[in-house]
């Protein structure tokens, strides 16, 4: 049984790792203490990584040559 890793699989896993790492870094720095500006930057980073993860999963696939995407 072959196990093929597609480009989409790599992108999905990469964005999931991005969300995990941004959340982990935010949690680590929060435990050390952050001021309000740092909190806003951390929230922006986490929400940005979640937005990227959602975008790659819901973006319509590229149209094949000679066909229009609906």
PDB file of N, CA and C in Angstrom:
ATOM      1  N   UNK A   1       0.847  -1.177   0.000  1.00  0.00           N
ATOM      2  CA  UNK A   1       0.000   0.000   0.000  1.00  0.00           C
ATOM      3  C   UNK A   1       0.890   1.237   0.000  1.00  0.00           C
ATOM      4  N   UNK A   2       0.916   1.973  -1.112  1.00  0.00           N
ATOM      5  CA  UNK A   2       1.783   3.155  -1.181  1.00  0.00           C
ATOM      6  C   UNK A   2       1.185   4.313  -0.373  1.00  0.00           C
ATOM      7  N   UNK A   3       2.080   5.096   0.164  1.00  0.00           N
ATOM      8  CA  UNK A   3       1.667   6.271   0.926  1.00  0.00           C
ATOM      9  C   UNK A   3       2.208   7.499   0.207  1.00  0.00           C
ATOM     10  N   UNK A   4       1.344   8.154  -0.567  1.00  0.00           N
ATOM     11  CA  UNK A   4       1.763   9.323  -1.332  1.00  0.00           C
ATOM     12  C   UNK A   4       1.461  10.595  -0.561  1.00  0.00           C
ATOM     13  N   UNK A   5       2.465  11.428  -0.432  1.00  0.00           N
ATOM     14  CA  UNK A   5       2.289  12.725   0.214  1.00  0.00           C
ATOM     15  C   UNK A   5       2.147  13.766  -0.887  1.00  0.00           C
ATOM     16  N   UNK A   6       0.993  14.402  -0.911  1.00  0.00           N
ATOM     17  CA  UNK A   6       0.735  15.396  -1.944  1.00  0.00           C
ATOM     18  C   UNK A   6       1.133  16.790  -1.468  1.00  0.00           C
ATOM     19  N   UNK A   7       1.156  17.688  -2.401  1.00  0.00           N
ATOM     20  CA  UNK A   7       1.473  19.078  -2.078  1.00  0.00           C
ATOM     21  C   UNK A   7       0.437  19.661  -1.114  1.00  0.00           C
ATOM     22  N   UNK A   8      -0.824  19.304  -1.324  1.00  0.00           N
ATOM     23  CA  UNK A   8      -1.889  19.783  -0.432  1.00  0.00           C
ATOM     24  C   UNK A   8      -1.689  19.275   0.987  1.00  0.00           C
ATOM     25  N   UNK A   9      -1.276  18.012   1.123  1.00  0.00           N
ATOM     26  CA  UNK A   9      -0.996  17.474   2.458  1.00  0.00           C
ATOM     27  C   UNK A   9       0.107  18.263   3.145  1.00  0.00           C
ATOM     28  N   UNK A  10       1.156  18.565   2.408  1.00  0.00           N
ATOM     29  CA  UNK A  10       2.260  19.338   2.980  1.00  0.00           C
ATOM     30  C   UNK A  10       1.811  20.729   3.408  1.00  0.00           C
ATOM     31  N   UNK A  11       1.003  21.366   2.593  1.00  0.00           N
ATOM     32  CA  UNK A  11       0.511  22.706   2.925  1.00  0.00           C
ATOM     33  C   UNK A  11      -0.404  22.656   4.141  1.00  0.00           C
ATOM     34  N   UNK A  12      -1.283  21.675   4.199  1.00  0.00           N
ATOM     35  CA  UNK A  12      -2.185  21.539   5.352  1.00  0.00           C
ATOM     36  C   UNK A  12      -1.398  21.329   6.643  1.00  0.00           C
ATOM     37  N   UNK A  13      -0.419  20.427   6.607  1.00  0.00           N
ATOM     38  CA  UNK A  13       0.382  20.166   7.802  1.00  0.00           C
ATOM     39  C   UNK A  13       1.254  21.365   8.172  1.00  0.00           C
ATOM     40  N   UNK A  14       1.772  22.072   7.186  1.00  0.00           N
ATOM     41  CA  UNK A  14       2.607  23.237   7.470  1.00  0.00           C
ATOM     42  C   UNK A  14       1.804  24.338   8.154  1.00  0.00           C
ATOM     43  N   UNK A  15       0.580  24.565   7.701  1.00  0.00           N
ATOM     44  CA  UNK A  15      -0.230  25.601   8.335  1.00  0.00           C
ATOM     45  C   UNK A  15      -0.698  25.167   9.722  1.00  0.00           C
ATOM     46  N   UNK A  16      -0.942  23.868   9.898  1.00  0.00           N
ATOM     47  CA  UNK A  16      -1.291  23.376  11.242  1.00  0.00           C
ATOM     48  C   UNK A  16      -0.109  23.571  12.194  1.00  0.00           C
ATOM     49  N   UNK A  17       1.097  23.311  11.722  1.00  0.00           N
ATOM     50  CA  UNK A  17       2.304  23.540  12.539  1.00  0.00           C
ATOM     51  C   UNK A  17       2.485  25.025  12.843  1.00  0.00           C
ATOM     52  N   UNK A  18       2.165  25.878  11.875  1.00  0.00           N
ATOM     53  CA  UNK A  18       2.267  27.323  12.091  1.00  0.00           C
ATOM     54  C   UNK A  18       1.340  27.771  13.217  1.00  0.00           C
ATOM     55  N   UNK A  19       0.112  27.268  13.222  1.00  0.00           N
ATOM     56  CA  UNK A  19      -0.838  27.608  14.279  1.00  0.00           C
ATOM     57  C   UNK A  19      -0.327  27.097  15.622  1.00  0.00           C
ATOM     58  N   UNK A  20       0.147  25.851  15.647  1.00  0.00           N
ATOM     59  CA  UNK A  20       0.649  25.280  16.891  1.00  0.00           C
ATOM     60  C   UNK A  20       1.847  26.074  17.424  1.00  0.00           C
ATOM     61  N   UNK A  21       2.797  26.379  16.567  1.00  0.00           N
ATOM     62  CA  UNK A  21       3.994  27.098  17.007  1.00  0.00           C
ATOM     63  C   UNK A  21       3.690  28.525  17.466  1.00  0.00           C
ATOM     64  N   UNK A  22       2.811  29.215  16.759  1.00  0.00           N
ATOM     65  CA  UNK A  22       2.486  30.577  17.197  1.00  0.00           C
ATOM     66  C   UNK A  22       1.747  30.557  18.535  1.00  0.00           C
ATOM     67  N   UNK A  23       0.880  29.576  18.730  1.00  0.00           N
ATOM     68  CA  UNK A  23       0.195  29.441  20.016  1.00  0.00           C
ATOM     69  C   UNK A  23       1.146  29.055  21.133  1.00  0.00           C
ATOM     70  N   UNK A  24       2.079  28.147  20.834  1.00  0.00           N
ATOM     71  CA  UNK A  24       3.047  27.720  21.845  1.00  0.00           C
ATOM     72  C   UNK A  24       3.979  28.863  22.246  1.00  0.00           C
ATOM     73  N   UNK A  25       4.424  29.624  21.261  1.00  0.00           N
ATOM     74  CA  UNK A  25       5.299  30.760  21.573  1.00  0.00           C
ATOM     75  C   UNK A  25       4.549  31.826  22.360  1.00  0.00           C
ATOM     76  N   UNK A  26       3.297  32.052  22.010  1.00  0.00           N
ATOM     77  CA  UNK A  26       2.489  33.015  22.754  1.00  0.00           C
ATOM     78  C   UNK A  26       2.311  32.564  24.195  1.00  0.00           C
ATOM     79  N   UNK A  27       2.013  31.296  24.388  1.00  0.00           N
ATOM     80  CA  UNK A  27       1.850  30.768  25.740  1.00  0.00           C
ATOM     81  C   UNK A  27       3.132  30.857  26.548  1.00  0.00           C
ATOM     82  N   UNK A  28       4.259  30.566  25.915  1.00  0.00           N
ATOM     83  CA  UNK A  28       5.543  30.638  26.608  1.00  0.00           C
ATOM     84  C   UNK A  28       5.847  32.064  27.057  1.00  0.00           C
ATOM     85  N   UNK A  29       5.680  33.007  26.146  1.00  0.00           N
ATOM     86  CA  UNK A  29       5.965  34.402  26.491  1.00  0.00           C
ATOM     87  C   UNK A  29       4.932  34.965  27.462  1.00  0.00           C
ATOM     88  N   UNK A  30       3.701  34.482  27.393  1.00  0.00           N
ATOM     89  CA  UNK A  30       2.683  34.919  28.343  1.00  0.00           C
ATOM     90  C   UNK A  30       3.035  34.465  29.755  1.00  0.00           C
ATOM     91  N   UNK A  31       3.580  33.252  29.865  1.00  0.00           N
ATOM     92  CA  UNK A  31       3.972  32.744  31.173  1.00  0.00           C
ATOM     93  C   UNK A  31       5.126  33.561  31.761  1.00  0.00           C
ATOM     94  N   UNK A  32       5.955  34.120  30.888  1.00  0.00           N
ATOM     95  CA  UNK A  32       7.082  34.931  31.352  1.00  0.00           C
ATOM     96  C   UNK A  32       6.646  36.360  31.681  1.00  0.00           C
ATOM     97  N   UNK A  33       5.499  36.775  31.167  1.00  0.00           N
ATOM     98  CA  UNK A  33       4.978  38.117  31.411  1.00  0.00           C
ATOM     99  C   UNK A  33       5.089  38.983  30.173  1.00  0.00           C
ATOM    100  N   UNK A  34       3.984  39.580  29.783  1.00  0.00           N
ATOM    101  CA  UNK A  34       3.961  40.445  28.603  1.00  0.00           C
ATOM    102  C   UNK A  34       3.174  41.702  28.940  1.00  0.00           C
ATOM    103  N   UNK A  35       3.531  42.809  28.262  1.00  0.00           N
ATOM    104  CA  UNK A  35       2.751  44.024  28.421  1.00  0.00           C
ATOM    105  C   UNK A  35       1.640  44.049  27.363  1.00  0.00           C
ATOM    106  N   UNK A  36       0.842  45.089  27.365  1.00  0.00           N
ATOM    107  CA  UNK A  36      -0.335  45.148  26.474  1.00  0.00           C
ATOM    108  C   UNK A  36       0.050  45.132  25.002  1.00  0.00           C
ATOM    109  N   UNK A  37       1.121  45.794  24.648  1.00  0.00           N
ATOM    110  CA  UNK A  37       1.540  45.826  23.244  1.00  0.00           C
ATOM    111  C   UNK A  37       1.995  44.435  22.801  1.00  0.00           C
ATOM    112  N   UNK A  38       2.699  43.732  23.650  1.00  0.00           N
ATOM    113  CA  UNK A  38       3.127  42.381  23.326  1.00  0.00           C
ATOM    114  C   UNK A  38       1.935  41.436  23.221  1.00  0.00           C
ATOM    115  N   UNK A  39       0.938  41.628  24.082  1.00  0.00           N
ATOM    116  CA  UNK A  39      -0.271  40.811  23.999  1.00  0.00           C
ATOM    117  C   UNK A  39      -0.982  41.026  22.664  1.00  0.00           C
ATOM    118  N   UNK A  40      -1.075  42.273  22.232  1.00  0.00           N
ATOM    119  CA  UNK A  40      -1.745  42.550  20.953  1.00  0.00           C
ATOM    120  C   UNK A  40      -0.970  41.929  19.790  1.00  0.00           C
ATOM    121  N   UNK A  41       0.355  41.976  19.846  1.00  0.00           N
ATOM    122  CA  UNK A  41       1.160  41.333  18.809  1.00  0.00           C
ATOM    123  C   UNK A  41       0.970  39.830  18.807  1.00  0.00           C
ATOM    124  N   UNK A  42       0.900  39.239  19.988  1.00  0.00           N
ATOM    125  CA  UNK A  42       0.707  37.792  20.088  1.00  0.00           C
ATOM    126  C   UNK A  42      -0.667  37.381  19.568  1.00  0.00           C
ATOM    127  N   UNK A  43      -1.683  38.134  19.925  1.00  0.00           N
ATOM    128  CA  UNK A  43      -3.034  37.836  19.441  1.00  0.00           C
ATOM    129  C   UNK A  43      -3.083  37.971  17.924  1.00  0.00           C
ATOM    130  N   UNK A  44      -2.445  38.979  17.391  1.00  0.00           N
ATOM    131  CA  UNK A  44      -2.401  39.170  15.945  1.00  0.00           C
ATOM    132  C   UNK A  44      -1.691  38.007  15.261  1.00  0.00           C
ATOM    133  N   UNK A  45      -0.590  37.546  15.846  1.00  0.00           N
ATOM    134  CA  UNK A  45       0.147  36.426  15.259  1.00  0.00           C
ATOM    135  C   UNK A  45      -0.680  35.148  15.257  1.00  0.00           C
ATOM    136  N   UNK A  46      -1.368  34.874  16.340  1.00  0.00           N
ATOM    137  CA  UNK A  46      -2.177  33.656  16.419  1.00  0.00           C
ATOM    138  C   UNK A  46      -3.357  33.745  15.455  1.00  0.00           C
ATOM    139  N   UNK A  47      -4.048  34.871  15.451  1.00  0.00           N
ATOM    140  CA  UNK A  47      -5.185  35.012  14.533  1.00  0.00           C
ATOM    141  C   UNK A  47      -4.739  34.989  13.077  1.00  0.00           C
ATOM    142  N   UNK A  48      -3.580  35.559  12.792  1.00  0.00           N
ATOM    143  CA  UNK A  48      -3.044  35.524  11.427  1.00  0.00           C
ATOM    144  C   UNK A  48      -2.729  34.105  10.981  1.00  0.00           C
ATOM    145  N   UNK A  49      -2.125  33.321  11.864  1.00  0.00           N
ATOM    146  CA  UNK A  49      -1.802  31.944  11.496  1.00  0.00           C
ATOM    147  C   UNK A  49      -3.070  31.104  11.331  1.00  0.00           C
ATOM    148  N   UNK A  50      -4.073  31.350  12.147  1.00  0.00           N
ATOM    149  CA  UNK A  50      -5.354  30.647  11.981  1.00  0.00           C
ATOM    150  C   UNK A  50      -6.009  31.056  10.660  1.00  0.00           C
ATOM    151  N   UNK A  51      -5.930  32.330  10.318  1.00  0.00           N
ATOM    152  CA  UNK A  51      -6.507  32.797   9.057  1.00  0.00           C
ATOM    153  C   UNK A  51      -5.823  32.140   7.861  1.00  0.00           C
ATOM    154  N   UNK A  52      -4.514  31.988   7.914  1.00  0.00           N
ATOM    155  CA  UNK A  52      -3.786  31.318   6.830  1.00  0.00           C
ATOM    156  C   UNK A  52      -4.207  29.854   6.738  1.00  0.00           C
ATOM    157  N   UNK A  53      -4.320  29.190   7.887  1.00  0.00           N
ATOM    158  CA  UNK A  53      -4.725  27.780   7.892  1.00  0.00           C
ATOM    159  C   UNK A  53      -6.125  27.600   7.315  1.00  0.00           C
ATOM    160  N   UNK A  54      -7.037  28.481   7.663  1.00  0.00           N
ATOM    161  CA  UNK A  54      -8.398  28.397   7.128  1.00  0.00           C
ATOM    162  C   UNK A  54      -8.405  28.710   5.634  1.00  0.00           C
ATOM    163  N   UNK A  55      -7.636  29.701   5.228  1.00  0.00           N
ATOM    164  CA  UNK A  55      -7.611  30.105   3.821  1.00  0.00           C
ATOM    165  C   UNK A  55      -7.118  28.984   2.914  1.00  0.00           C
ATOM    166  N   UNK A  56      -6.076  28.264   3.315  1.00  0.00           N
ATOM    167  CA  UNK A  56      -5.574  27.205   2.440  1.00  0.00           C
ATOM    168  C   UNK A  56      -6.526  26.021   2.377  1.00  0.00           C
ATOM    169  N   UNK A  57      -7.404  25.888   3.356  1.00  0.00           N
ATOM    170  CA  UNK A  57      -8.343  24.776   3.324  1.00  0.00           C
ATOM    171  C   UNK A  57      -9.629  25.107   2.566  1.00  0.00           C
ATOM    172  N   UNK A  58     -10.022  26.357   2.517  1.00  0.00           N
ATOM    173  CA  UNK A  58     -11.278  26.708   1.855  1.00  0.00           C
ATOM    174  C   UNK A  58     -11.081  27.373   0.501  1.00  0.00           C
ATOM    175  N   UNK A  59      -9.848  27.715   0.145  1.00  0.00           N
ATOM    176  CA  UNK A  59      -9.594  28.360  -1.144  1.00  0.00           C
ATOM    177  C   UNK A  59      -9.949  27.386  -2.258  1.00  0.00           C
ATOM    178  N   UNK A  60     -10.621  27.849  -3.312  1.00  0.00           N
ATOM    179  CA  UNK A  60     -10.994  26.912  -4.386  1.00  0.00           C
ATOM    180  C   UNK A  60      -9.744  26.395  -5.106  1.00  0.00           C
ATOM    181  N   UNK A  61      -9.786  25.152  -5.554  1.00  0.00           N
ATOM    182  CA  UNK A  61      -8.617  24.603  -6.263  1.00  0.00           C
ATOM    183  C   UNK A  61      -8.382  25.331  -7.581  1.00  0.00           C
ATOM    184  N   UNK A  62      -7.143  25.319  -8.022  1.00  0.00           N
ATOM    185  CA  UNK A  62      -6.805  25.972  -9.289  1.00  0.00           C
ATOM    186  C   UNK A  62      -7.501  25.269 -10.433  1.00  0.00           C
ATOM    187  N   UNK A  63      -7.938  26.047 -11.401  1.00  0.00           N
ATOM    188  CA  UNK A  63      -8.608  25.467 -12.563  1.00  0.00           C
ATOM    189  C   UNK A  63      -7.594  24.733 -13.435  1.00  0.00           C
ATOM    190  N   UNK A  64      -8.019  23.629 -14.012  1.00  0.00           N
ATOM    191  CA  UNK A  64      -7.153  22.901 -14.906  1.00  0.00           C
ATOM    192  C   UNK A  64      -7.037  23.656 -16.219  1.00  0.00           C
ATOM    193  N   UNK A  65      -6.043  23.356 -16.984  1.00  0.00           N
ATOM    194  CA  UNK A  65      -5.801  24.045 -18.252  1.00  0.00           C
ATOM    195  C   UNK A  65      -7.012  23.926 -19.165  1.00  0.00           C
ATOM    196  N   UNK A  66      -7.459  25.038 -19.667  1.00  0.00           N
ATOM    197  CA  UNK A  66      -8.571  25.047 -20.605  1.00  0.00           C
ATOM    198  C   UNK A  66      -9.953  25.060 -19.973  1.00  0.00           C
ATOM    199  N   UNK A  67     -10.036  25.065 -18.653  1.00  0.00           N
ATOM    200  CA  UNK A  67     -11.346  25.075 -17.988  1.00  0.00           C
ATOM    201  C   UNK A  67     -11.442  26.292 -17.087  1.00  0.00           C
ATOM    202  N   UNK A  68     -12.636  26.806 -16.957  1.00  0.00           N
ATOM    203  CA  UNK A  68     -12.888  27.940 -16.084  1.00  0.00           C
ATOM    204  C   UNK A  68     -13.290  27.459 -14.701  1.00  0.00           C
ATOM    205  N   UNK A  69     -12.851  28.197 -13.661  1.00  0.00           N
ATOM    206  CA  UNK A  69     -13.280  27.894 -12.300  1.00  0.00           C
ATOM    207  C   UNK A  69     -14.598  28.612 -12.047  1.00  0.00           C
ATOM    208  N   UNK A  70     -15.533  27.940 -11.433  1.00  0.00           N
ATOM    209  CA  UNK A  70     -16.836  28.570 -11.134  1.00  0.00           C
ATOM    210  C   UNK A  70     -16.744  29.371  -9.873  1.00  0.00           C
TER     211      UNK A  70
END
